[in-house]
PDB file of N, CA and C in Angstrom:
ATOM      1  N   MET A   1      37.150 -91.397 108.791  1.00  0.00           N
ATOM      2  CA  MET A   1      38.688 -91.941 108.313  1.00  0.00           C
ATOM      3  C   MET A   1      39.321 -90.830 108.220  1.00  0.00           C
ATOM      4  N   ARG A   2      40.658 -90.799 108.355  1.00  0.00           N
ATOM      5  CA  ARG A   2      41.418 -89.685 108.069  1.00  0.00           C
ATOM      6  C   ARG A   2      41.811 -89.864 106.568  1.00  0.00           C
ATOM      7  N   HIS A   3      41.793 -88.832 105.903  1.00  0.00           N
ATOM      8  CA  HIS A   3      41.996 -88.772 104.555  1.00  0.00           C
ATOM      9  C   HIS A   3      43.235 -88.426 104.331  1.00  0.00           C
ATOM     10  N   HIS A   4      44.156 -89.175 104.020  1.00  0.00           N
ATOM     11  CA  HIS A   4      45.606 -88.832 103.812  1.00  0.00           C
ATOM     12  C   HIS A   4      45.951 -87.952 102.636  1.00  0.00           C
ATOM     13  N   TYR A   5      45.325 -88.183 101.581  1.00  0.00           N
ATOM     14  CA  TYR A   5      45.616 -87.289 100.388  1.00  0.00           C
ATOM     15  C   TYR A   5      44.192 -86.774 100.004  1.00  0.00           C
ATOM     16  N   PRO A   6      43.734 -85.654 100.621  1.00  0.00           N
ATOM     17  CA  PRO A   6      42.287 -85.041 100.126  1.00  0.00           C
ATOM     18  C   PRO A   6      42.583 -84.538  98.645  1.00  0.00           C
ATOM     19  N   PRO A   7      41.398 -84.826  97.921  1.00  0.00           N
ATOM     20  CA  PRO A   7      41.622 -84.287  96.435  1.00  0.00           C
ATOM     21  C   PRO A   7      41.645 -82.727  96.448  1.00  0.00           C
ATOM     22  N   PRO A   8      42.304 -82.302  95.549  1.00  0.00           N
ATOM     23  CA  PRO A   8      42.434 -80.871  95.276  1.00  0.00           C
ATOM     24  C   PRO A   8      41.158 -80.284  94.989  1.00  0.00           C
ATOM     25  N   PRO A   9      40.726 -79.031  95.467  1.00  0.00           N
ATOM     26  CA  PRO A   9      39.324 -78.472  95.583  1.00  0.00           C
ATOM     27  C   PRO A   9      38.776 -78.499  94.092  1.00  0.00           C
ATOM     28  N   ASP A  10      39.456 -78.286  92.988  1.00  0.00           N
ATOM     29  CA  ASP A  10      39.062 -78.514  91.691  1.00  0.00           C
ATOM     30  C   ASP A  10      38.614 -79.856  91.087  1.00  0.00           C
ATOM     31  N   LYS A  11      39.180 -80.861  91.923  1.00  0.00           N
ATOM     32  CA  LYS A  11      38.799 -82.163  91.488  1.00  0.00           C
ATOM     33  C   LYS A  11      37.466 -82.706  92.377  1.00  0.00           C
ATOM     34  N   LEU A  12      37.154 -82.202  93.415  1.00  0.00           N
ATOM     35  CA  LEU A  12      36.128 -82.454  94.447  1.00  0.00           C
ATOM     36  C   LEU A  12      34.504 -81.705  93.636  1.00  0.00           C
ATOM     37  N   VAL A  13      34.929 -80.625  93.173  1.00  0.00           N
ATOM     38  CA  VAL A  13      33.533 -79.847  92.708  1.00  0.00           C
ATOM     39  C   VAL A  13      33.785 -79.573  91.200  1.00  0.00           C
ATOM     40  N   ASP A  14      32.565 -79.303  90.530  1.00  0.00           N
ATOM     41  CA  ASP A  14      32.659 -78.901  89.027  1.00  0.00           C
ATOM     42  C   ASP A  14      32.996 -77.286  89.097  1.00  0.00           C
ATOM     43  N   GLN A  15      32.509 -76.725  87.855  1.00  0.00           N
ATOM     44  CA  GLN A  15      32.824 -75.385  87.711  1.00  0.00           C
ATOM     45  C   GLN A  15      31.705 -74.450  88.574  1.00  0.00           C
ATOM     46  N   GLN A  16      30.604 -75.054  88.731  1.00  0.00           N
ATOM     47  CA  GLN A  16      29.324 -74.378  89.339  1.00  0.00           C
ATOM     48  C   GLN A  16      29.603 -74.621  91.083  1.00  0.00           C
ATOM     49  N   GLY A  17      30.643 -75.326  91.535  1.00  0.00           N
ATOM     50  CA  GLY A  17      30.891 -75.683  92.811  1.00  0.00           C
ATOM     51  C   GLY A  17      30.115 -76.814  93.289  1.00  0.00           C
ATOM     52  N   ARG A  18      29.684 -77.604  92.389  1.00  0.00           N
ATOM     53  CA  ARG A  18      28.777 -78.726  92.793  1.00  0.00           C
ATOM     54  C   ARG A  18      29.758 -80.055  92.931  1.00  0.00           C
ATOM     55  N   PRO A  19      29.538 -80.798  93.945  1.00  0.00           N
ATOM     56  CA  PRO A  19      30.587 -82.117  94.135  1.00  0.00           C
ATOM     57  C   PRO A  19      30.276 -82.972  93.111  1.00  0.00           C
ATOM     58  N   TYR A  20      31.454 -83.810  92.594  1.00  0.00           N
ATOM     59  CA  TYR A  20      31.546 -84.503  91.366  1.00  0.00           C
ATOM     60  C   TYR A  20      30.472 -85.565  91.627  1.00  0.00           C
ATOM     61  N   PHE A  21      30.047 -86.222  92.724  1.00  0.00           N
ATOM     62  CA  PHE A  21      29.394 -87.109  92.944  1.00  0.00           C
ATOM     63  C   PHE A  21      27.843 -86.813  93.107  1.00  0.00           C
ATOM     64  N   LEU A  22      27.513 -85.492  92.804  1.00  0.00           N
ATOM     65  CA  LEU A  22      26.023 -85.076  92.851  1.00  0.00           C
ATOM     66  C   LEU A  22      25.994 -84.533  91.469  1.00  0.00           C
ATOM     67  N   TRP A  23      26.295 -85.242  90.457  1.00  0.00           N
ATOM     68  CA  TRP A  23      26.210 -85.168  89.039  1.00  0.00           C
ATOM     69  C   TRP A  23      24.591 -84.845  88.862  1.00  0.00           C
ATOM     70  N   ASP A  24      23.889 -85.499  89.441  1.00  0.00           N
ATOM     71  CA  ASP A  24      22.367 -85.483  88.911  1.00  0.00           C
ATOM     72  C   ASP A  24      21.552 -84.535  89.947  1.00  0.00           C
ATOM     73  N   VAL A  25      22.476 -83.581  90.753  1.00  0.00           N
ATOM     74  CA  VAL A  25      21.469 -82.753  91.669  1.00  0.00           C
ATOM     75  C   VAL A  25      22.227 -81.595  91.699  1.00  0.00           C
ATOM     76  N   ASN A  26      21.513 -80.275  91.424  1.00  0.00           N
ATOM     77  CA  ASN A  26      22.172 -79.237  91.551  1.00  0.00           C
ATOM     78  C   ASN A  26      22.169 -78.549  92.970  1.00  0.00           C
ATOM     79  N   LEU A  27      23.310 -78.933  93.671  1.00  0.00           N
ATOM     80  CA  LEU A  27      23.437 -78.647  94.876  1.00  0.00           C
ATOM     81  C   LEU A  27      24.917 -78.284  95.266  1.00  0.00           C
ATOM     82  N   SER A  28      25.225 -77.247  96.128  1.00  0.00           N
ATOM     83  CA  SER A  28      26.545 -76.765  96.344  1.00  0.00           C
ATOM     84  C   SER A  28      26.882 -77.908  97.395  1.00  0.00           C
ATOM     85  N   ILE A  29      28.349 -77.588  97.557  1.00  0.00           N
ATOM     86  CA  ILE A  29      29.108 -78.719  98.602  1.00  0.00           C
ATOM     87  C   ILE A  29      28.539 -78.114 100.050  1.00  0.00           C
ATOM     88  N   ASP A  30      28.246 -76.766 100.151  1.00  0.00           N
ATOM     89  CA  ASP A  30      27.957 -76.465 101.638  1.00  0.00           C
ATOM     90  C   ASP A  30      26.597 -76.954 101.663  1.00  0.00           C
ATOM     91  N   ALA A  31      25.699 -76.768 100.786  1.00  0.00           N
ATOM     92  CA  ALA A  31      24.467 -77.338 100.944  1.00  0.00           C
ATOM     93  C   ALA A  31      24.327 -78.846 101.045  1.00  0.00           C
ATOM     94  N   PHE A  32      25.176 -79.463 100.527  1.00  0.00           N
ATOM     95  CA  PHE A  32      25.458 -80.855 100.758  1.00  0.00           C
ATOM     96  C   PHE A  32      25.670 -81.098 102.140  1.00  0.00           C
ATOM     97  N   ARG A  33      26.714 -80.620 102.523  1.00  0.00           N
ATOM     98  CA  ARG A  33      27.151 -80.792 104.087  1.00  0.00           C
ATOM     99  C   ARG A  33      25.948 -80.563 105.133  1.00  0.00           C
ATOM    100  N   GLU A  34      25.250 -79.642 104.751  1.00  0.00           N
ATOM    101  CA  GLU A  34      23.946 -79.534 105.575  1.00  0.00           C
ATOM    102  C   GLU A  34      23.157 -80.668 105.562  1.00  0.00           C
ATOM    103  N   LYS A  35      22.715 -81.233 104.307  1.00  0.00           N
ATOM    104  CA  LYS A  35      22.125 -82.445 104.062  1.00  0.00           C
ATOM    105  C   LYS A  35      22.464 -83.670 104.775  1.00  0.00           C
ATOM    106  N   VAL A  36      23.679 -83.887 104.815  1.00  0.00           N
ATOM    107  CA  VAL A  36      24.301 -84.997 105.535  1.00  0.00           C
ATOM    108  C   VAL A  36      24.387 -84.874 107.101  1.00  0.00           C
ATOM    109  N   ARG A  37      24.028 -83.807 107.558  1.00  0.00           N
ATOM    110  CA  ARG A  37      23.846 -83.592 108.982  1.00  0.00           C
ATOM    111  C   ARG A  37      22.548 -82.977 109.367  1.00  0.00           C
ATOM    112  N   ASP A  38      21.316 -83.414 108.434  1.00  0.00           N
ATOM    113  CA  ASP A  38      20.257 -82.954 108.818  1.00  0.00           C
ATOM    114  C   ASP A  38      19.569 -83.620 110.181  1.00  0.00           C
ATOM    115  N   THR A  39      18.754 -82.965 110.922  1.00  0.00           N
ATOM    116  CA  THR A  39      18.137 -83.478 112.133  1.00  0.00           C
ATOM    117  C   THR A  39      17.375 -84.655 111.901  1.00  0.00           C
ATOM    118  N   ASN A  40      16.625 -84.897 110.599  1.00  0.00           N
ATOM    119  CA  ASN A  40      15.744 -85.719 110.374  1.00  0.00           C
ATOM    120  C   ASN A  40      16.650 -87.057 109.888  1.00  0.00           C
ATOM    121  N   PRO A  41      16.364 -88.111 110.595  1.00  0.00           N
ATOM    122  CA  PRO A  41      17.505 -89.362 110.183  1.00  0.00           C
ATOM    123  C   PRO A  41      17.180 -89.832 108.871  1.00  0.00           C
ATOM    124  N   ASP A  42      15.758 -89.841 108.254  1.00  0.00           N
ATOM    125  CA  ASP A  42      15.557 -90.393 106.974  1.00  0.00           C
ATOM    126  C   ASP A  42      16.092 -89.416 105.878  1.00  0.00           C
ATOM    127  N   VAL A  43      16.160 -88.268 106.069  1.00  0.00           N
ATOM    128  CA  VAL A  43      16.797 -87.216 105.136  1.00  0.00           C
ATOM    129  C   VAL A  43      18.105 -87.549 105.206  1.00  0.00           C
ATOM    130  N   ARG A  44      18.744 -87.455 106.381  1.00  0.00           N
ATOM    131  CA  ARG A  44      20.190 -87.705 106.514  1.00  0.00           C
ATOM    132  C   ARG A  44      20.609 -89.029 105.732  1.00  0.00           C
ATOM    133  N   ALA A  45      20.026 -90.091 105.882  1.00  0.00           N
ATOM    134  CA  ALA A  45      20.303 -91.303 105.498  1.00  0.00           C
ATOM    135  C   ALA A  45      20.202 -91.389 104.017  1.00  0.00           C
ATOM    136  N   MET A  46      19.351 -90.573 103.370  1.00  0.00           N
ATOM    137  CA  MET A  46      18.961 -90.525 101.856  1.00  0.00           C
ATOM    138  C   MET A  46      20.334 -89.868 101.377  1.00  0.00           C
ATOM    139  N   TRP A  47      20.789 -88.877 101.947  1.00  0.00           N
ATOM    140  CA  TRP A  47      21.998 -88.050 101.264  1.00  0.00           C
ATOM    141  C   TRP A  47      23.155 -88.668 101.816  1.00  0.00           C
ATOM    142  N   ILE A  48      23.538 -89.282 102.746  1.00  0.00           N
ATOM    143  CA  ILE A  48      24.559 -90.235 103.009  1.00  0.00           C
ATOM    144  C   ILE A  48      24.764 -91.343 102.197  1.00  0.00           C
ATOM    145  N   GLY A  49      23.551 -91.946 102.199  1.00  0.00           N
ATOM    146  CA  GLY A  49      23.311 -93.203 101.177  1.00  0.00           C
ATOM    147  C   GLY A  49      23.903 -92.683  99.658  1.00  0.00           C
ATOM    148  N   LYS A  50      23.418 -91.453  99.078  1.00  0.00           N
ATOM    149  CA  LYS A  50      23.924 -90.994  97.988  1.00  0.00           C
ATOM    150  C   LYS A  50      25.479 -90.956  97.814  1.00  0.00           C
ATOM    151  N   LEU A  51      25.878 -90.281  98.816  1.00  0.00           N
ATOM    152  CA  LEU A  51      27.379 -90.100  98.988  1.00  0.00           C
ATOM    153  C   LEU A  51      28.065 -91.457  98.922  1.00  0.00           C
ATOM    154  N   MET A  52      27.693 -92.347  99.695  1.00  0.00           N
ATOM    155  CA  MET A  52      28.285 -93.639 100.011  1.00  0.00           C
ATOM    156  C   MET A  52      28.233 -94.364  98.558  1.00  0.00           C
ATOM    157  N   ARG A  53      27.186 -94.244  97.620  1.00  0.00           N
ATOM    158  CA  ARG A  53      26.963 -94.921  96.436  1.00  0.00           C
ATOM    159  C   ARG A  53      27.602 -94.233  95.367  1.00  0.00           C
ATOM    160  N   GLN A  54      27.921 -92.829  95.462  1.00  0.00           N
ATOM    161  CA  GLN A  54      28.298 -92.155  94.089  1.00  0.00           C
ATOM    162  C   GLN A  54      29.780 -91.612  94.385  1.00  0.00           C
ATOM    163  N   ALA A  55      30.237 -91.369  95.486  1.00  0.00           N
ATOM    164  CA  ALA A  55      31.512 -90.925  95.766  1.00  0.00           C
ATOM    165  C   ALA A  55      32.563 -91.978  95.827  1.00  0.00           C
ATOM    166  N   LYS A  56      33.891 -91.710  95.795  1.00  0.00           N
ATOM    167  CA  LYS A  56      35.008 -92.223  95.913  1.00  0.00           C
ATOM    168  C   LYS A  56      34.887 -92.894  97.398  1.00  0.00           C
ATOM    169  N   PRO A  57      35.364 -94.059  97.894  1.00  0.00           N
ATOM    170  CA  PRO A  57      35.155 -94.352  99.351  1.00  0.00           C
ATOM    171  C   PRO A  57      36.047 -93.608 100.048  1.00  0.00           C
ATOM    172  N   ASP A  58      37.107 -93.037  99.885  1.00  0.00           N
ATOM    173  CA  ASP A  58      37.870 -92.269 100.748  1.00  0.00           C
ATOM    174  C   ASP A  58      37.121 -90.765 100.913  1.00  0.00           C
ATOM    175  N   ASP A  59      36.602 -90.472  99.745  1.00  0.00           N
ATOM    176  CA  ASP A  59      36.005 -89.094  99.646  1.00  0.00           C
ATOM    177  C   ASP A  59      34.757 -89.003 100.700  1.00  0.00           C
ATOM    178  N   VAL A  60      34.080 -90.359 100.846  1.00  0.00           N
ATOM    179  CA  VAL A  60      33.002 -90.164 101.879  1.00  0.00           C
ATOM    180  C   VAL A  60      33.272 -89.652 103.321  1.00  0.00           C
ATOM    181  N   PHE A  61      34.475 -90.102 103.771  1.00  0.00           N
ATOM    182  CA  PHE A  61      34.870 -89.512 105.130  1.00  0.00           C
ATOM    183  C   PHE A  61      35.423 -88.150 104.900  1.00  0.00           C
ATOM    184  N   LEU A  62      35.433 -87.321 104.008  1.00  0.00           N
ATOM    185  CA  LEU A  62      35.490 -85.942 103.979  1.00  0.00           C
ATOM    186  C   LEU A  62      34.296 -85.358 104.524  1.00  0.00           C
ATOM    187  N   PHE A  63      33.067 -86.162 104.148  1.00  0.00           N
ATOM    188  CA  PHE A  63      31.762 -85.336 104.887  1.00  0.00           C
ATOM    189  C   PHE A  63      31.176 -86.089 106.151  1.00  0.00           C
ATOM    190  N   VAL A  64      31.463 -87.494 106.349  1.00  0.00           N
ATOM    191  CA  VAL A  64      30.787 -88.062 107.476  1.00  0.00           C
ATOM    192  C   VAL A  64      31.834 -89.041 108.027  1.00  0.00           C
ATOM    193  N   GLY A  65      31.832 -89.308 109.485  1.00  0.00           N
ATOM    194  CA  GLY A  65      32.408 -90.246 109.956  1.00  0.00           C
ATOM    195  C   GLY A  65      31.988 -91.676 109.942  1.00  0.00           C
ATOM    196  N   LEU A  66      32.831 -92.556 110.540  1.00  0.00           N
ATOM    197  CA  LEU A  66      32.557 -93.982 110.862  1.00  0.00           C
ATOM    198  C   LEU A  66      31.212 -94.023 111.611  1.00  0.00           C
ATOM    199  N   GLU A  67      31.426 -93.180 112.789  1.00  0.00           N
ATOM    200  CA  GLU A  67      30.159 -93.258 113.685  1.00  0.00           C
ATOM    201  C   GLU A  67      28.852 -92.718 113.157  1.00  0.00           C
ATOM    202  N   ASP A  68      28.878 -91.966 112.272  1.00  0.00           N
ATOM    203  CA  ASP A  68      27.753 -91.401 111.277  1.00  0.00           C
ATOM    204  C   ASP A  68      27.066 -92.587 110.602  1.00  0.00           C
ATOM    205  N   ILE A  69      28.076 -93.238 109.916  1.00  0.00           N
ATOM    206  CA  ILE A  69      27.458 -94.459 109.081  1.00  0.00           C
ATOM    207  C   ILE A  69      26.925 -95.562 110.182  1.00  0.00           C
ATOM    208  N   ARG A  70      27.497 -95.833 111.115  1.00  0.00           N
ATOM    209  CA  ARG A  70      27.141 -96.903 112.039  1.00  0.00           C
ATOM    210  C   ARG A  70      25.717 -96.620 112.662  1.00  0.00           C
ATOM    211  N   ARG A  71      25.717 -95.148 113.011  1.00  0.00           N
ATOM    212  CA  ARG A  71      24.441 -94.752 113.709  1.00  0.00           C
ATOM    213  C   ARG A  71      23.217 -94.810 112.691  1.00  0.00           C
ATOM    214  N   ASP A  72      23.425 -94.693 111.550  1.00  0.00           N
ATOM    215  CA  ASP A  72      22.310 -94.480 110.396  1.00  0.00           C
ATOM    216  C   ASP A  72      22.169 -95.797 109.749  1.00  0.00           C
ATOM    217  N   TRP A  73      22.936 -96.800 109.915  1.00  0.00           N
ATOM    218  CA  TRP A  73      23.293 -98.045 109.071  1.00  0.00           C
ATOM    219  C   TRP A  73      21.947 -98.525 108.779  1.00  0.00           C
ATOM    220  N   ALA A  74      21.007 -98.700 109.620  1.00  0.00           N
ATOM    221  CA  ALA A  74      19.680 -99.311 109.140  1.00  0.00           C
ATOM    222  C   ALA A  74      18.992 -98.629 108.455  1.00  0.00           C
ATOM    223  N   ARG A  75      19.119 -97.356 108.177  1.00  0.00           N
ATOM    224  CA  ARG A  75      18.414 -96.416 107.235  1.00  0.00           C
ATOM    225  C   ARG A  75      19.151 -96.389 105.952  1.00  0.00           C
ATOM    226  N   LEU A  76      20.377 -96.389 106.181  1.00  0.00           N
ATOM    227  CA  LEU A  76      21.269 -96.369 104.800  1.00  0.00           C
ATOM    228  C   LEU A  76      21.238 -97.531 103.957  1.00  0.00           C
ATOM    229  N   VAL A  77      21.068 -98.620 104.455  1.00  0.00           N
ATOM    230  CA  VAL A  77      21.143 -99.775 103.480  1.00  0.00           C
ATOM    231  C   VAL A  77      20.266 -99.718 102.397  1.00  0.00           C
ATOM    232  N   ARG A  78      19.010 -99.130 102.431  1.00  0.00           N
ATOM    233  CA  ARG A  78      18.035 -99.002 101.355  1.00  0.00           C
ATOM    234  C   ARG A  78      18.472 -98.001 100.329  1.00  0.00           C
ATOM    235  N   HIS A  79      19.546 -97.297 100.500  1.00  0.00           N
ATOM    236  CA  HIS A  79      19.984 -96.072  99.630  1.00  0.00           C
ATOM    237  C   HIS A  79      21.390 -96.602  99.025  1.00  0.00           C
ATOM    238  N   LEU A  80      21.979 -97.698  99.390  1.00  0.00           N
ATOM    239  CA  LEU A  80      23.201 -98.052  98.969  1.00  0.00           C
ATOM    240  C   LEU A  80      23.289 -98.639  97.490  1.00  0.00           C
ATOM    241  N   GLY A  81      22.222 -99.313  97.293  1.00  0.00           N
ATOM    242  CA  GLY A  81      22.131-100.055  95.826  1.00  0.00           C
ATOM    243  C   GLY A  81      23.174-100.953  95.775  1.00  0.00           C
ATOM    244  N   GLN A  82      23.665-101.135  94.404  1.00  0.00           N
ATOM    245  CA  GLN A  82      24.960-101.848  94.304  1.00  0.00           C
ATOM    246  C   GLN A  82      26.129-101.941  95.144  1.00  0.00           C
ATOM    247  N   THR A  83      26.296-100.684  95.714  1.00  0.00           N
ATOM    248  CA  THR A  83      27.276-100.568  96.600  1.00  0.00           C
ATOM    249  C   THR A  83      27.173-101.336  98.078  1.00  0.00           C
ATOM    250  N   LEU A  84      25.851-101.590  98.317  1.00  0.00           N
ATOM    251  CA  LEU A  84      25.857-102.361  99.763  1.00  0.00           C
ATOM    252  C   LEU A  84      26.711-103.329 100.093  1.00  0.00           C
ATOM    253  N   SER A  85      26.978-104.326  99.233  1.00  0.00           N
ATOM    254  CA  SER A  85      27.880-105.390  99.361  1.00  0.00           C
ATOM    255  C   SER A  85      29.366-104.928  99.847  1.00  0.00           C
ATOM    256  N   PHE A  86      29.853-103.820  99.096  1.00  0.00           N
ATOM    257  CA  PHE A  86      31.120-103.524  99.371  1.00  0.00           C
ATOM    258  C   PHE A  86      31.171-102.672 100.821  1.00  0.00           C
ATOM    259  N   TRP A  87      30.235-101.938 101.110  1.00  0.00           N
ATOM    260  CA  TRP A  87      30.216-101.244 102.366  1.00  0.00           C
ATOM    261  C   TRP A  87      30.034-102.245 103.389  1.00  0.00           C
ATOM    262  N   THR A  88      29.204-103.176 103.465  1.00  0.00           N
ATOM    263  CA  THR A  88      29.013-104.238 104.305  1.00  0.00           C
ATOM    264  C   THR A  88      30.405-105.012 104.559  1.00  0.00           C
ATOM    265  N   TRP A  89      31.067-105.315 103.456  1.00  0.00           N
ATOM    266  CA  TRP A  89      32.121-106.006 103.660  1.00  0.00           C
ATOM    267  C   TRP A  89      33.349-105.124 104.227  1.00  0.00           C
ATOM    268  N   LEU A  90      33.526-103.929 103.956  1.00  0.00           N
ATOM    269  CA  LEU A  90      34.429-102.934 104.378  1.00  0.00           C
ATOM    270  C   LEU A  90      34.176-102.503 105.715  1.00  0.00           C
ATOM    271  N   LEU A  91      33.104-102.378 106.408  1.00  0.00           N
ATOM    272  CA  LEU A  91      32.642-102.131 107.618  1.00  0.00           C
ATOM    273  C   LEU A  91      33.022-103.346 108.604  1.00  0.00           C
ATOM    274  N   ALA A  92      32.553-104.555 108.100  1.00  0.00           N
ATOM    275  CA  ALA A  92      32.962-105.800 108.739  1.00  0.00           C
ATOM    276  C   ALA A  92      34.308-105.970 108.853  1.00  0.00           C
ATOM    277  N   ARG A  93      35.442-105.611 107.680  1.00  0.00           N
ATOM    278  CA  ARG A  93      36.727-105.864 107.914  1.00  0.00           C
ATOM    279  C   ARG A  93      37.275-105.023 109.056  1.00  0.00           C
ATOM    280  N   TRP A  94      36.615-103.817 109.185  1.00  0.00           N
ATOM    281  CA  TRP A  94      37.124-102.697 110.128  1.00  0.00           C
ATOM    282  C   TRP A  94      36.803-103.167 111.291  1.00  0.00           C
ATOM    283  N   GLU A  95      35.637-103.774 111.672  1.00  0.00           N
ATOM    284  CA  GLU A  95      35.258-104.155 112.963  1.00  0.00           C
ATOM    285  C   GLU A  95      36.126-105.480 113.441  1.00  0.00           C
ATOM    286  N   VAL A  96      36.364-106.226 112.454  1.00  0.00           N
ATOM    287  CA  VAL A  96      37.236-107.506 112.934  1.00  0.00           C
ATOM    288  C   VAL A  96      38.621-106.892 113.245  1.00  0.00           C
ATOM    289  N   ARG A  97      38.953-105.981 112.489  1.00  0.00           N
ATOM    290  CA  ARG A  97      40.487-105.650 112.911  1.00  0.00           C
ATOM    291  C   ARG A  97      40.519-104.428 114.145  1.00  0.00           C
ATOM    292  N   GLY A  98      39.278-104.095 114.458  1.00  0.00           N
ATOM    293  CA  GLY A  98      39.311-103.096 115.637  1.00  0.00           C
ATOM    294  C   GLY A  98      39.811-101.925 115.320  1.00  0.00           C
ATOM    295  N   ASP A  99      39.471-101.504 114.026  1.00  0.00           N
ATOM    296  CA  ASP A  99      39.910-100.221 113.526  1.00  0.00           C
ATOM    297  C   ASP A  99      38.770 -99.206 113.491  1.00  0.00           C
ATOM    298  N   GLU A 100      38.942 -98.563 114.661  1.00  0.00           N
ATOM    299  CA  GLU A 100      38.111 -97.203 114.916  1.00  0.00           C
ATOM    300  C   GLU A 100      38.381 -95.859 114.495  1.00  0.00           C
ATOM    301  N   SER A 101      39.470 -95.993 113.916  1.00  0.00           N
ATOM    302  CA  SER A 101      40.218 -94.566 113.780  1.00  0.00           C
ATOM    303  C   SER A 101      39.744 -93.792 112.613  1.00  0.00           C
ATOM    304  N   ARG A 102      38.628 -94.356 111.957  1.00  0.00           N
ATOM    305  CA  ARG A 102      38.022 -93.684 110.878  1.00  0.00           C
ATOM    306  C   ARG A 102      36.759 -92.616 111.167  1.00  0.00           C
ATOM    307  N   THR A 103      37.425 -91.452 111.618  1.00  0.00           N
ATOM    308  CA  THR A 103      36.525 -90.598 112.052  1.00  0.00           C
ATOM    309  C   THR A 103      36.683 -89.254 111.376  1.00  0.00           C
TER     310      THR A 103
END
């Protein structure tokens, strides 16, 4: 997804450089980027799921693309918790509209 208004850097990370959505993990934004691109699909799904569960929806697409979410969807669902219904609905809406521009 093209993020039209990315958050200012000081709103994306705390004073230690940790993304706001990783409030429970001491991990830098660069280390997090590595996690969501891990070659192990289960590790990647765990971190992408955490991102989708805890970040603002627009901010998810600062780190992963729609193709990443679709690729790992079967593994992601177990990590989405209460956000599963939202993401299921949103992805279905985009598919119905044929909106594939969220990369």
